[in-house]
C-alpha atoms as a PDB file:
ATOM      1  CA  MET A   1     -19.231 -20.314  -4.932  1.00  0.00           C
ATOM      2  CA  SER A   2     -17.353 -16.854  -5.334  1.00  0.00           C
ATOM      3  CA  GLU A   3     -17.648 -14.689  -8.168  1.00  0.00           C
ATOM      4  CA  PRO A   4     -14.875 -14.228 -10.534  1.00  0.00           C
ATOM      5  CA  SER A   5     -13.022 -11.186 -10.686  1.00  0.00           C
ATOM      6  CA  THR A   6     -13.609  -8.916 -13.655  1.00  0.00           C
ATOM      7  CA  LYS A   7     -10.168  -7.110 -13.259  1.00  0.00           C
ATOM      8  CA  PRO A   8      -7.894  -9.798 -15.504  1.00  0.00           C
ATOM      9  CA  TYR A   9     -10.618  -9.208 -17.904  1.00  0.00           C
ATOM     10  CA  LEU A  10     -10.602  -6.089 -17.529  1.00  0.00           C
ATOM     11  CA  MET A  11      -6.271  -6.143 -17.697  1.00  0.00           C
ATOM     12  CA  ARG A  12      -6.616  -8.252 -21.270  1.00  0.00           C
ATOM     13  CA  ALA A  13      -8.546  -5.665 -22.836  1.00  0.00           C
ATOM     14  CA  ILE A  14      -6.615  -2.526 -22.056  1.00  0.00           C
ATOM     15  CA  TYR A  15      -3.499  -4.754 -22.798  1.00  0.00           C
ATOM     16  CA  ASP A  16      -5.221  -5.739 -26.234  1.00  0.00           C
ATOM     17  CA  TRP A  17      -6.439  -2.205 -27.128  1.00  0.00           C
ATOM     18  CA  CYS A  18      -2.500  -0.799 -26.580  1.00  0.00           C
ATOM     19  CA  VAL A  19      -1.209  -3.380 -28.640  1.00  0.00           C
ATOM     20  CA  ASP A  20      -3.636  -3.190 -31.376  1.00  0.00           C
ATOM     21  CA  SER A  21      -3.220   0.967 -31.556  1.00  0.00           C
ATOM     22  CA  GLY A  22       0.365   0.802 -31.665  1.00  0.00           C
ATOM     23  CA  TYR A  23       0.658   1.904 -28.275  1.00  0.00           C
ATOM     24  CA  THR A  24       4.020   0.639 -25.275  1.00  0.00           C
ATOM     25  CA  PRO A  25       1.299  -1.660 -22.384  1.00  0.00           C
ATOM     26  CA  TYR A  26       2.750  -0.933 -18.929  1.00  0.00           C
ATOM     27  CA  LEU A  27       2.218  -2.759 -15.891  1.00  0.00           C
ATOM     28  CA  THR A  28       2.266  -0.506 -12.264  1.00  0.00           C
ATOM     29  CA  VAL A  29       2.688  -3.113  -9.686  1.00  0.00           C
ATOM     30  CA  THR A  30       3.206  -2.986  -5.733  1.00  0.00           C
ATOM     31  CA  VAL A  31       5.003  -5.551  -4.742  1.00  0.00           C
ATOM     32  CA  ASP A  32       4.968  -7.993  -2.134  1.00  0.00           C
ATOM     33  CA  ALA A  33       6.313 -11.218  -1.078  1.00  0.00           C
ATOM     34  CA  LEU A  34       3.919 -13.601  -3.800  1.00  0.00           C
ATOM     35  CA  THR A  35       5.633 -11.196  -6.592  1.00  0.00           C
ATOM     36  CA  ARG A  36       8.807 -12.625  -8.811  1.00  0.00           C
ATOM     37  CA  VAL A  37      10.007  -9.185 -10.088  1.00  0.00           C
ATOM     38  CA  PRO A  38      14.257  -8.091  -9.607  1.00  0.00           C
ATOM     39  CA  MET A  39      14.254  -6.359  -6.579  1.00  0.00           C
ATOM     40  CA  GLU A  40      16.994  -3.997  -7.657  1.00  0.00           C
ATOM     41  CA  TYR A  41      14.694  -1.781  -9.805  1.00  0.00           C
ATOM     42  CA  VAL A  42      11.336  -1.882  -7.090  1.00  0.00           C
ATOM     43  CA  LYS A  43      10.760   1.994  -5.830  1.00  0.00           C
ATOM     44  CA  ASP A  44       8.753   2.501  -2.505  1.00  0.00           C
ATOM     45  CA  GLY A  45       7.246  -0.724  -2.986  1.00  0.00           C
ATOM     46  CA  GLN A  46       5.937  -1.020  -6.588  1.00  0.00           C
ATOM     47  CA  ILE A  47       7.653  -1.353 -10.008  1.00  0.00           C
ATOM     48  CA  VAL A  48       6.573  -0.242 -13.588  1.00  0.00           C
ATOM     49  CA  LEU A  49       6.537  -2.350 -16.042  1.00  0.00           C
ATOM     50  CA  ASN A  50       6.844  -2.556 -20.022  1.00  0.00           C
ATOM     51  CA  ILE A  51       4.953  -5.692 -21.315  1.00  0.00           C
ATOM     52  CA  GLY A  52       4.461  -4.894 -24.892  1.00  0.00           C
ATOM     53  CA  PRO A  53       5.234  -7.950 -27.138  1.00  0.00           C
ATOM     54  CA  ILE A  54       8.657  -6.439 -28.014  1.00  0.00           C
ATOM     55  CA  ALA A  55       9.891  -6.458 -23.993  1.00  0.00           C
ATOM     56  CA  VAL A  56       8.641  -9.502 -23.318  1.00  0.00           C
ATOM     57  CA  GLU A  57       9.175 -12.787 -24.135  1.00  0.00           C
ATOM     58  CA  ARG A  58       6.508 -16.321 -23.306  1.00  0.00           C
ATOM     59  CA  PHE A  59       3.974 -13.590 -21.818  1.00  0.00           C
ATOM     60  CA  LYS A  60       0.891 -15.004 -20.304  1.00  0.00           C
ATOM     61  CA  MET A  61      -1.901 -13.166 -18.596  1.00  0.00           C
ATOM     62  CA  GLY A  62      -3.984 -15.421 -16.763  1.00  0.00           C
ATOM     63  CA  ASN A  63      -7.707 -14.747 -14.243  1.00  0.00           C
ATOM     64  CA  GLU A  64      -4.779 -15.068 -11.422  1.00  0.00           C
ATOM     65  CA  LEU A  65      -1.395 -14.500 -12.548  1.00  0.00           C
ATOM     66  CA  ILE A  66       0.755 -13.114 -15.214  1.00  0.00           C
ATOM     67  CA  GLU A  67       4.162 -14.622 -16.712  1.00  0.00           C
ATOM     68  CA  PHE A  68       6.512 -13.466 -18.800  1.00  0.00           C
ATOM     69  CA  SER A  69       9.862 -13.380 -19.124  1.00  0.00           C
ATOM     70  CA  ALA A  70      11.954 -10.367 -19.671  1.00  0.00           C
ATOM     71  CA  ARG A  71      15.590  -8.633 -20.543  1.00  0.00           C
ATOM     72  CA  PHE A  72      16.640  -6.308 -17.272  1.00  0.00           C
ATOM     73  CA  ASN A  73      20.335  -4.283 -17.771  1.00  0.00           C
ATOM     74  CA  GLY A  74      21.518  -7.080 -20.442  1.00  0.00           C
ATOM     75  CA  ALA A  75      20.116 -10.762 -17.591  1.00  0.00           C
ATOM     76  CA  GLY A  76      17.057 -12.894 -18.948  1.00  0.00           C
ATOM     77  CA  ARG A  77      14.739 -12.772 -15.757  1.00  0.00           C
ATOM     78  CA  GLU A  78      10.935 -14.808 -15.492  1.00  0.00           C
ATOM     79  CA  ILE A  79       8.480 -12.532 -13.372  1.00  0.00           C
ATOM     80  CA  SER A  80       5.636 -13.830 -12.086  1.00  0.00           C
ATOM     81  CA  ILE A  81       3.246 -11.547 -10.816  1.00  0.00           C
ATOM     82  CA  PRO A  82      -0.594 -11.882  -9.012  1.00  0.00           C
ATOM     83  CA  ILE A  83      -2.990 -10.365 -10.613  1.00  0.00           C
ATOM     84  CA  GLY A  84      -4.254  -8.938  -7.528  1.00  0.00           C
ATOM     85  CA  ALA A  85      -0.875  -7.420  -6.921  1.00  0.00           C
ATOM     86  CA  VAL A  86      -1.535  -4.939  -9.983  1.00  0.00           C
ATOM     87  CA  SER A  87      -2.371  -1.712  -9.751  1.00  0.00           C
ATOM     88  CA  ALA A  88      -2.473   0.010 -13.026  1.00  0.00           C
ATOM     89  CA  ILE A  89      -2.018  -0.371 -16.743  1.00  0.00           C
ATOM     90  CA  TYR A  90      -1.758   1.851 -18.909  1.00  0.00           C
ATOM     91  CA  ALA A  91      -0.751   2.855 -22.669  1.00  0.00           C
ATOM     92  CA  ARG A  92       2.919   4.782 -21.676  1.00  0.00           C
ATOM     93  CA  GLU A  93       2.436   7.231 -24.722  1.00  0.00           C
ATOM     94  CA  ASN A  94      -1.145   9.036 -23.577  1.00  0.00           C
ATOM     95  CA  GLY A  95      -1.517   7.571 -20.610  1.00  0.00           C
ATOM     96  CA  GLN A  96      -4.559   6.483 -20.679  1.00  0.00           C
ATOM     97  CA  GLY A  97      -5.992   2.849 -18.990  1.00  0.00           C
ATOM     98  CA  LEU A  98      -7.001   1.708 -15.967  1.00  0.00           C
ATOM     99  CA  SER A  99      -5.989   1.458 -12.443  1.00  0.00           C
ATOM    100  CA  PHE A 100      -7.609  -0.400  -9.432  1.00  0.00           C
ATOM    101  CA  GLU A 101      -8.058  -0.101  -6.054  1.00  0.00           C
ATOM    102  CA  LEU A 102      -6.352  -3.038  -3.395  1.00  0.00           C
ATOM    103  CA  SER A 103      -9.417  -5.132  -1.788  1.00  0.00           C
ATOM    104  CA  ALA A 104      -9.088  -5.889   1.867  1.00  0.00           C
ATOM    105  CA  PRO A 105      -7.111  -9.032   1.378  1.00  0.00           C
ATOM    106  CA  GLU A 106      -5.015  -7.874  -1.374  1.00  0.00           C
ATOM    107  CA  ALA A 107      -4.144  -4.877   0.825  1.00  0.00           C
ATOM    108  CA  ALA A 108      -3.217  -7.051   4.020  1.00  0.00           C
ATOM    109  CA  ALA A 109      -1.126  -9.536   1.625  1.00  0.00           C
ATOM    110  CA  LEU A 110       1.057  -6.194   0.432  1.00  0.00           C
ATOM    111  CA  ALA A 111       1.512  -4.987   3.880  1.00  0.00           C
ATOM    112  CA  ARG A 112       3.575  -7.736   4.488  1.00  0.00           C
ATOM    113  CA  PRO A 113       7.573  -6.940   3.689  1.00  0.00           C
ATOM    114  CA  ALA A 114       8.741  -8.151   0.015  1.00  0.00           C
ATOM    115  CA  GLU A 115      11.378 -10.202   0.299  1.00  0.00           C
ATOM    116  CA  ALA A 116      13.568 -11.148  -2.836  1.00  0.00           C
ATOM    117  CA  ASP A 117      14.377 -15.167  -3.751  1.00  0.00           C
ATOM    118  CA  GLN A 118      17.651 -15.060  -3.294  1.00  0.00           C
ATOM    119  CA  GLY A 119      17.594 -18.223  -5.148  1.00  0.00           C
ATOM    120  CA  ASN A 120      17.232 -17.465  -8.244  1.00  0.00           C
ATOM    121  CA  GLU A 121      18.173 -13.426  -7.727  1.00  0.00           C
ATOM    122  CA  ILE A 122      21.218 -12.346  -9.637  1.00  0.00           C
ATOM    123  CA  PRO A 123      23.101  -9.719  -7.222  1.00  0.00           C
ATOM    124  CA  PRO A 124      22.481  -6.069  -8.651  1.00  0.00           C
ATOM    125  CA  GLU A 125      25.982  -4.788  -9.806  1.00  0.00           C
ATOM    126  CA  PRO A 126      27.472  -2.551  -7.560  1.00  0.00           C
ATOM    127  CA  PRO A 127      26.565   1.671  -8.220  1.00  0.00           C
ATOM    128  CA  ARG A 128      29.421   2.963 -10.569  1.00  0.00           C
ATOM    129  CA  PRO A 129      31.191   6.003  -9.013  1.00  0.00           C
ATOM    130  CA  SER A 130      29.897   9.250 -10.237  1.00  0.00           C
ATOM    131  CA  GLY A 131      32.288  11.879 -11.930  1.00  0.00           C
ATOM    132  CA  LYS A 132      34.768  12.207 -14.137  1.00  0.00           C
ATOM    133  CA  PRO A 133      37.174   9.204 -15.246  1.00  0.00           C
ATOM    134  CA  SER A 134      40.916   9.594 -14.323  1.00  0.00           C
ATOM    135  CA  LEU A 135      43.970   7.262 -15.244  1.00  0.00           C
ATOM    136  CA  ARG A 136      46.882   7.361 -13.222  1.00  0.00           C
ATOM    137  CA  ARG A 137      50.681   6.232 -14.914  1.00  0.00           C
ATOM    138  CA  VAL A 138      51.771   3.561 -12.574  1.00  0.00           C
ATOM    139  CA  LYS A 139      55.725   2.898 -13.298  1.00  0.00           C
END
């Protein structure tokens, strides 16, 4: 029988320390096929998430999975992150926290391209045109 990982316990400790100290806990997540996050916010295969009590609902940090719901651009989303995909947890205000190296099985799983679950995803809004807005009168 393999020994349980210390990673989820350390993550919960940093999360509790952030909340107790009045800091905002952030997660840096390396996105893979098992990670359910809004793909339109993923940059270079990673996403940074605010997991503070004000920002999320139904937050649950288990030994294998982090689950919660949050709003992105006004739309509610269900988030599911395998513990192995978390590369850091830290306080936004001072940067203190922990970063984690990905183990060989986790790195192999993350090497596969991330795929969005199109059935549950809301399509991203089209980009807004930049520049000065203009109106034209049509007769």
